[in-house]
Every structure is written in C-alpha cells, then in structure tokens.
C-alpha cells in the first residue's frame, strides 16, 4: 500500500467540520461606518504661552488672545484678527488707565494679569 492510498486516522481532539450556513438577504443588515471621534484640542491657557511683552506691530495668536480678553471685559469691539494696530494699542491704554496701571499701550506681565483676572 502506498502512502497516498493509506487511510488517514482522525485526531482525537480534532474539531468537527463546520458546515456553511445559508443566510438570506433579509437577515443581513448593513452596518453604517461610524466617523472617528475628533480629538479634543488641547486647552491653551494664557499662563502657558502668551505671557510675553506685546506692542504695536506684533501679530499672532498672543495678540488674538489679548483681543479676546479685552472683548470679554468690554474694551474691544474690533475684529479678532491677531494684529496689534493703533486701535488695539488705544484699547490697551484705556484698559491700563481704568485699572490704575502705568499707561504704556504695551501688554506686559502686569497687563496680562489684569486681563486674566
């Protein structure tokens, strides 16, 4: 008897063969793909990034933060565009004067503290 003709023994622990199951189309429901949740933006505080001296001619996110803080205090009604122009310098001078600070028109550490309180 050759190796090909010899009957094979079943293993003692072999799993039983699985027969395919017929599935009707009515039983299959399409699964809608859920969109991946958006990652929350990290919370940025004024203490972390923006505590630097700002003056007329500066631009960027620190200036936009000054504009937002002044708007929250009622001292800025212009656009929050991140540009430190003459109108923002005037608004900072008015704010500094209203708080009894030295009026410079520049945002220094003391002005940051007054804006964030």
PDB file of N, CA and C in Angstrom:
ATOM      1  N   UNK A   1       0.835  -1.162   0.000  1.00  0.00           N
ATOM      2  CA  UNK A   1       0.000   0.000   0.000  1.00  0.00           C
ATOM      3  C   UNK A   1       0.892   1.242   0.000  1.00  0.00           C
ATOM      4  N   UNK A   2       0.587   2.147  -0.876  1.00  0.00           N
ATOM      5  CA  UNK A   2       1.402   3.357  -0.952  1.00  0.00           C
ATOM      6  C   UNK A   2       0.873   4.391   0.028  1.00  0.00           C
ATOM      7  N   UNK A   3       1.666   5.381   0.216  1.00  0.00           N
ATOM      8  CA  UNK A   3       1.321   6.457   1.167  1.00  0.00           C
ATOM      9  C   UNK A   3       0.045   7.181   0.755  1.00  0.00           C
ATOM     10  N   UNK A   4      -0.208   7.317  -0.505  1.00  0.00           N
ATOM     11  CA  UNK A   4      -1.385   8.029  -0.982  1.00  0.00           C
ATOM     12  C   UNK A   4      -2.667   7.231  -0.754  1.00  0.00           C
ATOM     13  N   UNK A   5      -2.591   5.906  -0.801  1.00  0.00           N
ATOM     14  CA  UNK A   5      -3.785   5.076  -0.665  1.00  0.00           C
ATOM     15  C   UNK A   5      -4.109   4.704   0.773  1.00  0.00           C
ATOM     16  N   UNK A   6      -3.199   4.960   1.683  1.00  0.00           N
ATOM     17  CA  UNK A   6      -3.393   4.571   3.077  1.00  0.00           C
ATOM     18  C   UNK A   6      -4.469   5.453   3.719  1.00  0.00           C
ATOM     19  N   UNK A   7      -5.452   4.899   4.426  1.00  0.00           N
ATOM     20  CA  UNK A   7      -6.478   5.720   5.088  1.00  0.00           C
ATOM     21  C   UNK A   7      -5.855   6.504   6.249  1.00  0.00           C
ATOM     22  N   UNK A   8      -6.338   7.715   6.408  1.00  0.00           N
ATOM     23  CA  UNK A   8      -5.801   8.585   7.468  1.00  0.00           C
ATOM     24  C   UNK A   8      -6.658   8.449   8.707  1.00  0.00           C
ATOM     25  N   UNK A   9      -5.989   8.527   9.847  1.00  0.00           N
ATOM     26  CA  UNK A   9      -6.707   8.472  11.117  1.00  0.00           C
ATOM     27  C   UNK A   9      -7.098   9.887  11.532  1.00  0.00           C
ATOM     28  N   UNK A  10      -8.248   9.973  12.169  1.00  0.00           N
ATOM     29  CA  UNK A  10      -8.692  11.274  12.685  1.00  0.00           C
ATOM     30  C   UNK A  10      -8.017  11.513  14.020  1.00  0.00           C
ATOM     31  N   UNK A  11      -7.612  12.723  14.262  1.00  0.00           N
ATOM     32  CA  UNK A  11      -7.027  13.068  15.553  1.00  0.00           C
ATOM     33  C   UNK A  11      -8.124  13.049  16.604  1.00  0.00           C
ATOM     34  N   UNK A  12      -7.749  12.672  17.828  1.00  0.00           N
ATOM     35  CA  UNK A  12      -8.734  12.521  18.906  1.00  0.00           C
ATOM     36  C   UNK A  12      -9.379  13.859  19.271  1.00  0.00           C
ATOM     37  N   UNK A  13      -8.628  14.955  19.230  1.00  0.00           N
ATOM     38  CA  UNK A  13      -9.143  16.263  19.658  1.00  0.00           C
ATOM     39  C   UNK A  13      -9.485  17.180  18.483  1.00  0.00           C
ATOM     40  N   UNK A  14      -9.581  16.667  17.331  1.00  0.00           N
ATOM     41  CA  UNK A  14      -9.852  17.498  16.154  1.00  0.00           C
ATOM     42  C   UNK A  14     -11.282  18.019  16.210  1.00  0.00           C
ATOM     43  N   UNK A  15     -11.482  19.284  15.879  1.00  0.00           N
ATOM     44  CA  UNK A  15     -12.834  19.839  15.889  1.00  0.00           C
ATOM     45  C   UNK A  15     -13.646  19.283  14.726  1.00  0.00           C
ATOM     46  N   UNK A  16     -14.941  19.237  14.951  1.00  0.00           N
ATOM     47  CA  UNK A  16     -15.841  18.743  13.916  1.00  0.00           C
ATOM     48  C   UNK A  16     -15.883  19.756  12.784  1.00  0.00           C
ATOM     49  N   UNK A  17     -15.989  19.313  11.579  1.00  0.00           N
ATOM     50  CA  UNK A  17     -16.042  20.260  10.458  1.00  0.00           C
ATOM     51  C   UNK A  17     -17.307  21.111  10.550  1.00  0.00           C
ATOM     52  N   UNK A  18     -17.173  22.373  10.184  1.00  0.00           N
ATOM     53  CA  UNK A  18     -18.289  23.314  10.232  1.00  0.00           C
ATOM     54  C   UNK A  18     -18.882  23.429   8.846  1.00  0.00           C
ATOM     55  N   UNK A  19     -20.193  23.255   8.798  1.00  0.00           N
ATOM     56  CA  UNK A  19     -20.862  23.357   7.518  1.00  0.00           C
ATOM     57  C   UNK A  19     -21.323  24.791   7.312  1.00  0.00           C
ATOM     58  N   UNK A  20     -21.229  25.284   6.090  1.00  0.00           N
ATOM     59  CA  UNK A  20     -21.680  26.655   5.840  1.00  0.00           C
ATOM     60  C   UNK A  20     -23.179  26.794   6.061  1.00  0.00           C
ATOM     61  N   UNK A  21     -23.585  27.961   6.556  1.00  0.00           N
ATOM     62  CA  UNK A  21     -24.986  28.234   6.837  1.00  0.00           C
ATOM     63  C   UNK A  21     -25.498  29.192   5.778  1.00  0.00           C
ATOM     64  N   UNK A  22     -26.644  28.901   5.256  1.00  0.00           N
ATOM     65  CA  UNK A  22     -27.243  29.780   4.256  1.00  0.00           C
ATOM     66  C   UNK A  22     -27.848  30.988   4.959  1.00  0.00           C
ATOM     67  N   UNK A  23     -27.539  32.169   4.448  1.00  0.00           N
ATOM     68  CA  UNK A  23     -28.050  33.404   5.032  1.00  0.00           C
ATOM     69  C   UNK A  23     -28.884  34.111   3.979  1.00  0.00           C
ATOM     70  N   UNK A  24     -30.088  34.476   4.368  1.00  0.00           N
ATOM     71  CA  UNK A  24     -30.941  35.209   3.445  1.00  0.00           C
ATOM     72  C   UNK A  24     -30.573  36.677   3.488  1.00  0.00           C
ATOM     73  N   UNK A  25     -30.852  37.376   2.423  1.00  0.00           N
ATOM     74  CA  UNK A  25     -30.510  38.787   2.361  1.00  0.00           C
ATOM     75  C   UNK A  25     -31.264  39.603   3.397  1.00  0.00           C
ATOM     76  N   UNK A  26     -32.451  39.184   3.786  1.00  0.00           N
ATOM     77  CA  UNK A  26     -33.228  39.923   4.773  1.00  0.00           C
ATOM     78  C   UNK A  26     -32.560  39.886   6.147  1.00  0.00           C
ATOM     79  N   UNK A  27     -31.757  38.857   6.408  1.00  0.00           N
ATOM     80  CA  UNK A  27     -31.109  38.739   7.701  1.00  0.00           C
ATOM     81  C   UNK A  27     -29.884  39.642   7.820  1.00  0.00           C
ATOM     82  N   UNK A  28     -29.347  40.063   6.711  1.00  0.00           N
ATOM     83  CA  UNK A  28     -28.121  40.846   6.724  1.00  0.00           C
ATOM     84  C   UNK A  28     -28.484  42.323   6.731  1.00  0.00           C
ATOM     85  N   UNK A  29     -27.991  43.023   7.749  1.00  0.00           N
ATOM     86  CA  UNK A  29     -28.241  44.452   7.842  1.00  0.00           C
ATOM     87  C   UNK A  29     -26.917  45.178   7.611  1.00  0.00           C
ATOM     88  N   UNK A  30     -26.938  46.178   6.758  1.00  0.00           N
ATOM     89  CA  UNK A  30     -25.690  46.903   6.530  1.00  0.00           C
ATOM     90  C   UNK A  30     -25.302  47.680   7.788  1.00  0.00           C
ATOM     91  N   UNK A  31     -24.036  47.696   8.076  1.00  0.00           N
ATOM     92  CA  UNK A  31     -23.525  48.404   9.246  1.00  0.00           C
ATOM     93  C   UNK A  31     -22.955  49.732   8.768  1.00  0.00           C
ATOM     94  N   UNK A  32     -23.510  50.785   9.309  1.00  0.00           N
ATOM     95  CA  UNK A  32     -23.028  52.114   8.929  1.00  0.00           C
ATOM     96  C   UNK A  32     -21.698  52.374   9.635  1.00  0.00           C
ATOM     97  N   UNK A  33     -20.762  52.865   8.894  1.00  0.00           N
ATOM     98  CA  UNK A  33     -19.457  53.176   9.477  1.00  0.00           C
ATOM     99  C   UNK A  33     -19.586  54.429  10.332  1.00  0.00           C
ATOM    100  N   UNK A  34     -19.125  54.323  11.552  1.00  0.00           N
ATOM    101  CA  UNK A  34     -19.170  55.478  12.444  1.00  0.00           C
ATOM    102  C   UNK A  34     -17.955  56.346  12.171  1.00  0.00           C
ATOM    103  N   UNK A  35     -18.164  57.646  12.094  1.00  0.00           N
ATOM    104  CA  UNK A  35     -16.997  58.507  11.890  1.00  0.00           C
ATOM    105  C   UNK A  35     -16.123  58.492  13.145  1.00  0.00           C
ATOM    106  N   UNK A  36     -14.846  58.591  12.929  1.00  0.00           N
ATOM    107  CA  UNK A  36     -13.919  58.598  14.065  1.00  0.00           C
ATOM    108  C   UNK A  36     -14.149  59.868  14.882  1.00  0.00           C
ATOM    109  N   UNK A  37     -14.152  59.746  16.198  1.00  0.00           N
ATOM    110  CA  UNK A  37     -14.359  60.944  17.013  1.00  0.00           C
ATOM    111  C   UNK A  37     -13.188  61.908  16.839  1.00  0.00           C
ATOM    112  N   UNK A  38     -13.524  63.186  16.815  1.00  0.00           N
ATOM    113  CA  UNK A  38     -12.481  64.196  16.667  1.00  0.00           C
ATOM    114  C   UNK A  38     -11.730  64.327  17.988  1.00  0.00           C
ATOM    115  N   UNK A  39     -10.447  64.460  17.867  1.00  0.00           N
ATOM    116  CA  UNK A  39      -9.640  64.641  19.063  1.00  0.00           C
ATOM    117  C   UNK A  39      -9.883  66.046  19.604  1.00  0.00           C
ATOM    118  N   UNK A  40     -10.049  66.131  20.891  1.00  0.00           N
ATOM    119  CA  UNK A  40     -10.268  67.437  21.502  1.00  0.00           C
ATOM    120  C   UNK A  40      -8.986  68.258  21.425  1.00  0.00           C
ATOM    121  N   UNK A  41      -9.157  69.514  21.098  1.00  0.00           N
ATOM    122  CA  UNK A  41      -7.996  70.402  21.027  1.00  0.00           C
ATOM    123  C   UNK A  41      -7.460  70.611  22.435  1.00  0.00           C
ATOM    124  N   UNK A  42      -6.159  70.645  22.588  1.00  0.00           N
ATOM    125  CA  UNK A  42      -5.618  70.871  23.919  1.00  0.00           C
ATOM    126  C   UNK A  42      -5.999  72.249  24.420  1.00  0.00           C
ATOM    127  N   UNK A  43      -6.316  72.314  25.672  1.00  0.00           N
ATOM    128  CA  UNK A  43      -6.709  73.586  26.263  1.00  0.00           C
ATOM    129  C   UNK A  43      -5.471  74.443  26.460  1.00  0.00           C
ATOM    130  N   UNK A  44      -5.504  75.615  25.896  1.00  0.00           N
ATOM    131  CA  UNK A  44      -4.371  76.527  25.983  1.00  0.00           C
ATOM    132  C   UNK A  44      -4.748  77.641  26.943  1.00  0.00           C
ATOM    133  N   UNK A  45      -3.912  77.869  27.897  1.00  0.00           N
ATOM    134  CA  UNK A  45      -4.175  78.943  28.836  1.00  0.00           C
ATOM    135  C   UNK A  45      -3.192  80.071  28.618  1.00  0.00           C
ATOM    136  N   UNK A  46      -3.568  81.223  29.065  1.00  0.00           N
ATOM    137  CA  UNK A  46      -2.718  82.399  28.907  1.00  0.00           C
ATOM    138  C   UNK A  46      -1.410  82.212  29.646  1.00  0.00           C
ATOM    139  N   UNK A  47      -1.423  81.513  30.766  1.00  0.00           N
ATOM    140  CA  UNK A  47      -0.209  81.335  31.548  1.00  0.00           C
ATOM    141  C   UNK A  47       0.841  80.526  30.799  1.00  0.00           C
ATOM    142  N   UNK A  48       0.420  79.649  29.896  1.00  0.00           N
ATOM    143  CA  UNK A  48       1.370  78.756  29.242  1.00  0.00           C
ATOM    144  C   UNK A  48       2.143  79.440  28.118  1.00  0.00           C
ATOM    145  N   UNK A  49       1.471  80.197  27.276  1.00  0.00           N
ATOM    146  CA  UNK A  49       2.104  80.667  26.062  1.00  0.00           C
ATOM    147  C   UNK A  49       2.230  82.184  25.985  1.00  0.00           C
ATOM    148  N   UNK A  50       1.219  82.882  26.376  1.00  0.00           N
ATOM    149  CA  UNK A  50       1.079  84.262  25.967  1.00  0.00           C
ATOM    150  C   UNK A  50       1.718  85.292  26.889  1.00  0.00           C
ATOM    151  N   UNK A  51       2.395  84.890  27.907  1.00  0.00           N
ATOM    152  CA  UNK A  51       2.959  85.869  28.833  1.00  0.00           C
ATOM    153  C   UNK A  51       4.267  86.442  28.294  1.00  0.00           C
ATOM    154  N   UNK A  52       4.156  87.215  27.251  1.00  0.00           N
ATOM    155  CA  UNK A  52       5.316  87.925  26.741  1.00  0.00           C
ATOM    156  C   UNK A  52       4.883  89.338  26.419  1.00  0.00           C
ATOM    157  N   UNK A  53       5.826  90.237  26.345  1.00  0.00           N
ATOM    158  CA  UNK A  53       5.502  91.633  26.080  1.00  0.00           C
ATOM    159  C   UNK A  53       5.048  91.773  24.634  1.00  0.00           C
ATOM    160  N   UNK A  54       3.923  92.436  24.471  1.00  0.00           N
ATOM    161  CA  UNK A  54       3.377  92.695  23.149  1.00  0.00           C
ATOM    162  C   UNK A  54       3.246  94.192  22.942  1.00  0.00           C
ATOM    163  N   UNK A  55       3.539  94.630  21.743  1.00  0.00           N
ATOM    164  CA  UNK A  55       3.397  96.053  21.441  1.00  0.00           C
ATOM    165  C   UNK A  55       2.901  96.214  20.012  1.00  0.00           C
ATOM    166  N   UNK A  56       2.644  97.466  19.656  1.00  0.00           N
ATOM    167  CA  UNK A  56       2.107  97.758  18.338  1.00  0.00           C
ATOM    168  C   UNK A  56       3.042  97.229  17.253  1.00  0.00           C
ATOM    169  N   UNK A  57       2.466  96.568  16.263  1.00  0.00           N
ATOM    170  CA  UNK A  57       3.230  95.964  15.184  1.00  0.00           C
ATOM    171  C   UNK A  57       3.349  94.448  15.327  1.00  0.00           C
ATOM    172  N   UNK A  58       3.095  93.927  16.534  1.00  0.00           N
ATOM    173  CA  UNK A  58       3.133  92.475  16.732  1.00  0.00           C
ATOM    174  C   UNK A  58       1.894  91.836  16.108  1.00  0.00           C
ATOM    175  N   UNK A  59       1.982  90.550  15.860  1.00  0.00           N
ATOM    176  CA  UNK A  59       0.835  89.809  15.331  1.00  0.00           C
ATOM    177  C   UNK A  59       0.971  88.350  15.730  1.00  0.00           C
ATOM    178  N   UNK A  60      -0.164  87.653  15.697  1.00  0.00           N
ATOM    179  CA  UNK A  60      -0.155  86.233  16.014  1.00  0.00           C
ATOM    180  C   UNK A  60      -1.197  85.858  17.045  1.00  0.00           C
ATOM    181  N   UNK A  61      -1.120  84.600  17.527  1.00  0.00           N
ATOM    182  CA  UNK A  61      -2.138  84.108  18.460  1.00  0.00           C
ATOM    183  C   UNK A  61      -2.123  84.823  19.811  1.00  0.00           C
ATOM    184  N   UNK A  62      -0.976  85.319  20.239  1.00  0.00           N
ATOM    185  CA  UNK A  62      -0.926  86.035  21.518  1.00  0.00           C
ATOM    186  C   UNK A  62      -1.715  87.340  21.418  1.00  0.00           C
ATOM    187  N   UNK A  63      -1.605  88.020  20.298  1.00  0.00           N
ATOM    188  CA  UNK A  63      -2.353  89.268  20.090  1.00  0.00           C
ATOM    189  C   UNK A  63      -3.842  88.970  19.991  1.00  0.00           C
ATOM    190  N   UNK A  64      -4.195  87.886  19.315  1.00  0.00           N
ATOM    191  CA  UNK A  64      -5.607  87.497  19.235  1.00  0.00           C
ATOM    192  C   UNK A  64      -6.162  87.198  20.627  1.00  0.00           C
ATOM    193  N   UNK A  65      -5.336  86.613  21.497  1.00  0.00           N
ATOM    194  CA  UNK A  65      -5.766  86.346  22.877  1.00  0.00           C
ATOM    195  C   UNK A  65      -6.015  87.651  23.623  1.00  0.00           C
ATOM    196  N   UNK A  66      -5.168  88.645  23.431  1.00  0.00           N
ATOM    197  CA  UNK A  66      -5.384  89.963  24.048  1.00  0.00           C
ATOM    198  C   UNK A  66      -6.707  90.535  23.553  1.00  0.00           C
ATOM    199  N   UNK A  67      -6.955  90.437  22.263  1.00  0.00           N
ATOM    200  CA  UNK A  67      -8.210  90.953  21.712  1.00  0.00           C
ATOM    201  C   UNK A  67      -9.412  90.230  22.320  1.00  0.00           C
ATOM    202  N   UNK A  68      -9.333  88.919  22.482  1.00  0.00           N
ATOM    203  CA  UNK A  68     -10.436  88.160  23.090  1.00  0.00           C
ATOM    204  C   UNK A  68     -10.641  88.554  24.555  1.00  0.00           C
ATOM    205  N   UNK A  69      -9.537  88.701  25.284  1.00  0.00           N
ATOM    206  CA  UNK A  69      -9.655  89.063  26.696  1.00  0.00           C
ATOM    207  C   UNK A  69     -10.216  90.471  26.863  1.00  0.00           C
ATOM    208  N   UNK A  70      -9.765  91.400  26.032  1.00  0.00           N
ATOM    209  CA  UNK A  70     -10.310  92.760  26.090  1.00  0.00           C
ATOM    210  C   UNK A  70     -11.790  92.775  25.697  1.00  0.00           C
ATOM    211  N   UNK A  71     -12.165  91.986  24.709  1.00  0.00           N
ATOM    212  CA  UNK A  71     -13.571  91.925  24.302  1.00  0.00           C
ATOM    213  C   UNK A  71     -14.436  91.373  25.433  1.00  0.00           C
ATOM    214  N   UNK A  72     -13.913  90.403  26.172  1.00  0.00           N
ATOM    215  CA  UNK A  72     -14.659  89.836  27.297  1.00  0.00           C
ATOM    216  C   UNK A  72     -14.853  90.870  28.404  1.00  0.00           C
ATOM    217  N   UNK A  73     -13.922  91.797  28.503  1.00  0.00           N
ATOM    218  CA  UNK A  73     -14.024  92.850  29.526  1.00  0.00           C
ATOM    219  C   UNK A  73     -14.753  94.082  28.994  1.00  0.00           C
ATOM    220  N   UNK A  74     -15.165  94.048  27.724  1.00  0.00           N
ATOM    221  CA  UNK A  74     -15.908  95.162  27.144  1.00  0.00           C
ATOM    222  C   UNK A  74     -15.021  96.263  26.598  1.00  0.00           C
ATOM    223  N   UNK A  75     -13.741  96.014  26.451  1.00  0.00           N
ATOM    224  CA  UNK A  75     -12.835  97.061  25.990  1.00  0.00           C
ATOM    225  C   UNK A  75     -12.385  96.908  24.552  1.00  0.00           C
ATOM    226  N   UNK A  76     -12.960  95.955  23.821  1.00  0.00           N
ATOM    227  CA  UNK A  76     -12.564  95.757  22.429  1.00  0.00           C
ATOM    228  C   UNK A  76     -13.774  95.307  21.634  1.00  0.00           C
ATOM    229  N   UNK A  77     -14.088  96.070  20.590  1.00  0.00           N
ATOM    230  CA  UNK A  77     -15.196  95.665  19.733  1.00  0.00           C
ATOM    231  C   UNK A  77     -14.751  95.483  18.287  1.00  0.00           C
ATOM    232  N   UNK A  78     -13.454  95.463  18.082  1.00  0.00           N
ATOM    233  CA  UNK A  78     -12.909  95.252  16.738  1.00  0.00           C
ATOM    234  C   UNK A  78     -12.822  93.770  16.415  1.00  0.00           C
ATOM    235  N   UNK A  79     -12.221  93.506  15.271  1.00  0.00           N
ATOM    236  CA  UNK A  79     -12.052  92.125  14.815  1.00  0.00           C
ATOM    237  C   UNK A  79     -10.957  91.430  15.616  1.00  0.00           C
ATOM    238  N   UNK A  80     -11.138  90.135  15.824  1.00  0.00           N
ATOM    239  CA  UNK A  80     -10.111  89.330  16.483  1.00  0.00           C
ATOM    240  C   UNK A  80      -9.237  88.739  15.384  1.00  0.00           C
ATOM    241  N   UNK A  81      -8.339  89.580  14.866  1.00  0.00           N
ATOM    242  CA  UNK A  81      -7.534  89.176  13.715  1.00  0.00           C
ATOM    243  C   UNK A  81      -6.073  88.902  14.070  1.00  0.00           C
ATOM    244  N   UNK A  82      -5.682  89.124  15.315  1.00  0.00           N
ATOM    245  CA  UNK A  82      -4.310  88.832  15.727  1.00  0.00           C
ATOM    246  C   UNK A  82      -3.304  89.894  15.319  1.00  0.00           C
ATOM    247  N   UNK A  83      -3.760  91.093  15.007  1.00  0.00           N
ATOM    248  CA  UNK A  83      -2.857  92.179  14.617  1.00  0.00           C
ATOM    249  C   UNK A  83      -2.917  93.295  15.654  1.00  0.00           C
ATOM    250  N   UNK A  84      -1.751  93.711  16.117  1.00  0.00           N
ATOM    251  CA  UNK A  84      -1.656  94.755  17.145  1.00  0.00           C
ATOM    252  C   UNK A  84      -1.461  96.093  16.444  1.00  0.00           C
ATOM    253  N   UNK A  85      -2.576  96.732  16.142  1.00  0.00           N
ATOM    254  CA  UNK A  85      -2.544  98.017  15.458  1.00  0.00           C
ATOM    255  C   UNK A  85      -2.804  99.179  16.400  1.00  0.00           C
ATOM    256  N   UNK A  86      -3.062 100.350  15.823  1.00  0.00           N
ATOM    257  CA  UNK A  86      -3.269 101.552  16.634  1.00  0.00           C
ATOM    258  C   UNK A  86      -4.538 101.453  17.473  1.00  0.00           C
ATOM    259  N   UNK A  87      -5.594 100.825  16.941  1.00  0.00           N
ATOM    260  CA  UNK A  87      -6.832 100.714  17.722  1.00  0.00           C
ATOM    261  C   UNK A  87      -6.656  99.803  18.932  1.00  0.00           C
ATOM    262  N   UNK A  88      -5.922  98.728  18.765  1.00  0.00           N
ATOM    263  CA  UNK A  88      -5.684  97.837  19.903  1.00  0.00           C
ATOM    264  C   UNK A  88      -4.776  98.515  20.925  1.00  0.00           C
ATOM    265  N   UNK A  89      -3.779  99.256  20.462  1.00  0.00           N
ATOM    266  CA  UNK A  89      -2.900  99.978  21.387  1.00  0.00           C
ATOM    267  C   UNK A  89      -3.707 100.995  22.199  1.00  0.00           C
ATOM    268  N   UNK A  90      -4.650 101.670  21.538  1.00  0.00           N
ATOM    269  CA  UNK A  90      -5.512 102.633  22.247  1.00  0.00           C
ATOM    270  C   UNK A  90      -6.392 101.910  23.257  1.00  0.00           C
ATOM    271  N   UNK A  91      -6.945 100.755  22.877  1.00  0.00           N
ATOM    272  CA  UNK A  91      -7.796  99.994  23.797  1.00  0.00           C
ATOM    273  C   UNK A  91      -6.987  99.506  25.001  1.00  0.00           C
ATOM    274  N   UNK A  92      -5.734  99.107  24.778  1.00  0.00           N
ATOM    275  CA  UNK A  92      -4.878  98.670  25.888  1.00  0.00           C
ATOM    276  C   UNK A  92      -4.579  99.843  26.807  1.00  0.00           C
ATOM    277  N   UNK A  93      -4.319 101.027  26.237  1.00  0.00           N
ATOM    278  CA  UNK A  93      -4.056 102.223  27.071  1.00  0.00           C
ATOM    279  C   UNK A  93      -5.279 102.566  27.924  1.00  0.00           C
ATOM    280  N   UNK A  94      -6.459 102.505  27.329  1.00  0.00           N
ATOM    281  CA  UNK A  94      -7.689 102.782  28.082  1.00  0.00           C
ATOM    282  C   UNK A  94      -7.860 101.762  29.202  1.00  0.00           C
ATOM    283  N   UNK A  95      -7.626 100.491  28.898  1.00  0.00           N
ATOM    284  CA  UNK A  95      -7.747  99.436  29.902  1.00  0.00           C
ATOM    285  C   UNK A  95      -6.746  99.655  31.033  1.00  0.00           C
ATOM    286  N   UNK A  96      -5.499  99.952  30.690  1.00  0.00           N
ATOM    287  CA  UNK A  96      -4.475 100.182  31.714  1.00  0.00           C
ATOM    288  C   UNK A  96      -4.844 101.372  32.593  1.00  0.00           C
ATOM    289  N   UNK A  97      -5.347 102.444  31.985  1.00  0.00           N
ATOM    290  CA  UNK A  97      -5.757 103.613  32.767  1.00  0.00           C
ATOM    291  C   UNK A  97      -6.916 103.301  33.688  1.00  0.00           C
ATOM    292  N   UNK A  98      -7.857 102.477  33.245  1.00  0.00           N
ATOM    293  CA  UNK A  98      -9.009 102.141  34.074  1.00  0.00           C
ATOM    294  C   UNK A  98      -8.625 101.273  35.265  1.00  0.00           C
ATOM    295  N   UNK A  99      -7.496 100.577  35.178  1.00  0.00           N
ATOM    296  CA  UNK A  99      -7.027  99.720  36.268  1.00  0.00           C
ATOM    297  C   UNK A  99      -5.990 100.410  37.139  1.00  0.00           C
ATOM    298  N   UNK A 100      -5.682 101.682  36.854  1.00  0.00           N
ATOM    299  CA  UNK A 100      -4.709 102.411  37.653  1.00  0.00           C
ATOM    300  C   UNK A 100      -3.272 101.964  37.396  1.00  0.00           C
ATOM    301  N   UNK A 101      -3.037 101.412  36.239  1.00  0.00           N
ATOM    302  CA  UNK A 101      -1.703 100.936  35.882  1.00  0.00           C
ATOM    303  C   UNK A 101      -0.960 102.029  35.115  1.00  0.00           C
ATOM    304  N   UNK A 102       0.333 101.818  34.938  1.00  0.00           N
ATOM    305  CA  UNK A 102       1.122 102.703  34.107  1.00  0.00           C
ATOM    306  C   UNK A 102       0.639 102.534  32.665  1.00  0.00           C
ATOM    307  N   UNK A 103       0.266 103.651  32.015  1.00  0.00           N
ATOM    308  CA  UNK A 103      -0.311 103.610  30.680  1.00  0.00           C
ATOM    309  C   UNK A 103       0.814 103.627  29.651  1.00  0.00           C
ATOM    310  N   UNK A 104       1.016 102.488  29.008  1.00  0.00           N
ATOM    311  CA  UNK A 104       2.070 102.361  28.013  1.00  0.00           C
ATOM    312  C   UNK A 104       1.535 101.952  26.645  1.00  0.00           C
ATOM    313  N   UNK A 105       0.389 101.301  26.604  1.00  0.00           N
ATOM    314  CA  UNK A 105      -0.135 100.783  25.355  1.00  0.00           C
ATOM    315  C   UNK A 105       0.482  99.449  24.976  1.00  0.00           C
ATOM    316  N   UNK A 106       1.392  98.956  25.809  1.00  0.00           N
ATOM    317  CA  UNK A 106       2.006  97.651  25.589  1.00  0.00           C
ATOM    318  C   UNK A 106       1.436  96.659  26.600  1.00  0.00           C
ATOM    319  N   UNK A 107       1.350  95.422  26.200  1.00  0.00           N
ATOM    320  CA  UNK A 107       0.849  94.377  27.095  1.00  0.00           C
ATOM    321  C   UNK A 107       2.058  93.719  27.746  1.00  0.00           C
ATOM    322  N   UNK A 108       2.266  94.055  29.027  1.00  0.00           N
ATOM    323  CA  UNK A 108       3.357  93.451  29.792  1.00  0.00           C
ATOM    324  C   UNK A 108       2.765  92.446  30.783  1.00  0.00           C
ATOM    325  N   UNK A 109       3.575  91.956  31.692  1.00  0.00           N
ATOM    326  CA  UNK A 109       3.126  90.922  32.633  1.00  0.00           C
ATOM    327  C   UNK A 109       1.985  91.443  33.496  1.00  0.00           C
ATOM    328  N   UNK A 110       2.076  92.671  33.971  1.00  0.00           N
ATOM    329  CA  UNK A 110       1.012  93.221  34.820  1.00  0.00           C
ATOM    330  C   UNK A 110      -0.292  93.384  34.043  1.00  0.00           C
ATOM    331  N   UNK A 111      -0.190  93.775  32.782  1.00  0.00           N
ATOM    332  CA  UNK A 111      -1.396  93.901  31.964  1.00  0.00           C
ATOM    333  C   UNK A 111      -2.014  92.517  31.705  1.00  0.00           C
ATOM    334  N   UNK A 112      -1.164  91.517  31.455  1.00  0.00           N
ATOM    335  CA  UNK A 112      -1.679  90.144  31.295  1.00  0.00           C
ATOM    336  C   UNK A 112      -2.447  89.722  32.542  1.00  0.00           C
ATOM    337  N   UNK A 113      -1.851  89.983  33.702  1.00  0.00           N
ATOM    338  CA  UNK A 113      -2.516  89.577  34.955  1.00  0.00           C
ATOM    339  C   UNK A 113      -3.851  90.276  35.106  1.00  0.00           C
ATOM    340  N   UNK A 114      -3.908  91.567  34.789  1.00  0.00           N
ATOM    341  CA  UNK A 114      -5.166  92.307  34.913  1.00  0.00           C
ATOM    342  C   UNK A 114      -6.202  91.799  33.908  1.00  0.00           C
ATOM    343  N   UNK A 115      -5.756  91.393  32.735  1.00  0.00           N
ATOM    344  CA  UNK A 115      -6.690  90.889  31.729  1.00  0.00           C
ATOM    345  C   UNK A 115      -7.259  89.523  32.105  1.00  0.00           C
ATOM    346  N   UNK A 116      -6.469  88.711  32.767  1.00  0.00           N
ATOM    347  CA  UNK A 116      -6.902  87.341  33.058  1.00  0.00           C
ATOM    348  C   UNK A 116      -7.620  87.188  34.393  1.00  0.00           C
ATOM    349  N   UNK A 117      -7.740  88.246  35.143  1.00  0.00           N
ATOM    350  CA  UNK A 117      -8.445  88.163  36.434  1.00  0.00           C
ATOM    351  C   UNK A 117      -9.913  88.402  36.242  1.00  0.00           C
TER     352      UNK A 117
END
